[in-house]
Amino acid sequence: MPTAPTPSIIVDPALAIRIARVEQMRPRELREAYRHTFGRDTTSGNRAWLVRAITTRHREIDLSHQIDRKSTRLNSSHLVI
């Protein structure tokens, strides 16, 4: 049975680098990155949770920037006569 095609996801190379760096961080560094990313402290020492939270937020921010750029392009392409 054929499977549905997988949608293509455009990944910004800078985002991929940031995620790779986060995945290499120690718990103390992850807590600092969490503070920088979310603007608040966390007492969590759960490395997997911190990595997931930070990388998810980075992806959300990247996606919102992609949507903003596409929206801007669409709005600027409409000509009003």
Protein backbone atom coordinates (compact mmCIF):
# COMPACT_ATOMS: atom_id res chain seq x y z
CA MET A 1 0.00 0.00 0.00
CA PRO A 2 1.47 3.42 -0.95
CA THR A 3 2.26 5.87 1.79
CA ALA A 4 1.43 9.54 1.85
CA PRO A 5 4.23 11.82 0.68
CA THR A 6 6.24 13.45 3.41
CA PRO A 7 6.00 17.24 3.33
CA SER A 8 9.30 18.93 2.73
CA ILE A 9 10.57 20.94 5.65
CA ILE A 10 13.00 23.73 4.98
CA VAL A 11 15.51 23.90 7.79
CA ASP A 12 17.57 27.02 8.22
CA PRO A 13 21.24 25.98 8.48
CA ALA A 14 21.70 28.43 11.37
CA LEU A 15 18.84 26.71 13.22
CA ALA A 16 20.42 23.30 12.66
CA ILE A 17 23.69 24.60 14.12
CA ARG A 18 21.93 26.09 17.17
CA ILE A 19 20.11 22.81 17.81
CA ALA A 20 23.33 20.81 17.49
CA ARG A 21 24.99 23.11 20.02
CA VAL A 22 22.10 22.75 22.46
CA GLU A 23 22.29 18.96 22.19
CA GLN A 24 25.95 19.10 23.25
CA MET A 25 25.41 21.29 26.33
CA ARG A 26 25.74 20.19 29.93
CA PRO A 27 22.81 20.68 32.35
CA ARG A 28 24.24 23.92 33.78
CA GLU A 29 24.68 25.35 30.28
CA LEU A 30 21.19 24.17 29.36
CA ARG A 31 19.69 26.04 32.33
CA GLU A 32 21.50 29.20 31.15
CA ALA A 33 20.23 28.65 27.59
CA TYR A 34 16.72 28.10 28.98
CA ARG A 35 16.94 31.42 30.84
CA HIS A 36 18.11 33.16 27.67
CA THR A 37 15.43 31.51 25.51
CA PHE A 38 12.42 31.84 27.82
CA GLY A 39 13.40 34.81 29.96
CA ARG A 40 12.98 32.92 33.22
CA ASP A 41 14.93 30.47 35.34
CA THR A 42 14.36 26.76 35.68
CA THR A 43 15.53 24.45 38.43
CA SER A 44 15.22 21.39 36.24
CA GLY A 45 18.29 19.22 35.92
CA ASN A 46 16.55 16.88 33.51
CA ARG A 47 18.82 17.16 30.49
CA ALA A 48 16.43 15.56 28.01
CA TRP A 49 13.58 17.86 29.04
CA LEU A 50 15.76 20.96 28.82
CA VAL A 51 17.06 20.02 25.37
CA ARG A 52 13.53 19.31 24.13
CA ALA A 53 12.11 22.56 25.56
CA ILE A 54 14.89 24.76 24.18
CA THR A 55 15.05 23.18 20.73
CA THR A 56 11.27 23.22 20.39
CA ARG A 57 11.21 26.94 21.20
CA HIS A 58 14.01 27.61 18.70
CA ARG A 59 12.02 25.77 16.01
CA GLU A 60 8.87 27.77 16.88
CA ILE A 61 10.76 31.04 16.59
CA ASP A 62 12.29 29.98 13.26
CA LEU A 63 8.89 28.93 11.92
CA SER A 64 7.28 32.22 12.96
CA HIS A 65 10.04 34.10 11.12
CA GLN A 66 9.45 31.97 8.00
CA ILE A 67 5.72 32.73 8.16
CA ASP A 68 6.39 36.46 8.61
CA ARG A 69 8.69 36.50 5.59
CA LYS A 70 6.16 34.66 3.43
CA SER A 71 3.35 36.94 4.59
CA THR A 72 5.43 40.01 3.80
CA ARG A 73 6.22 38.68 0.33
CA LEU A 74 2.56 37.90 -0.34
CA ASN A 75 1.39 41.31 0.84
CA SER A 76 4.01 43.15 -1.20
CA SER A 77 3.15 41.18 -4.35
CA HIS A 78 -0.46 42.44 -4.45
CA LEU A 79 -0.78 45.54 -6.59
CA VAL A 80 -3.56 47.98 -5.86
CA ILE A 81 -4.72 49.98 -8.88
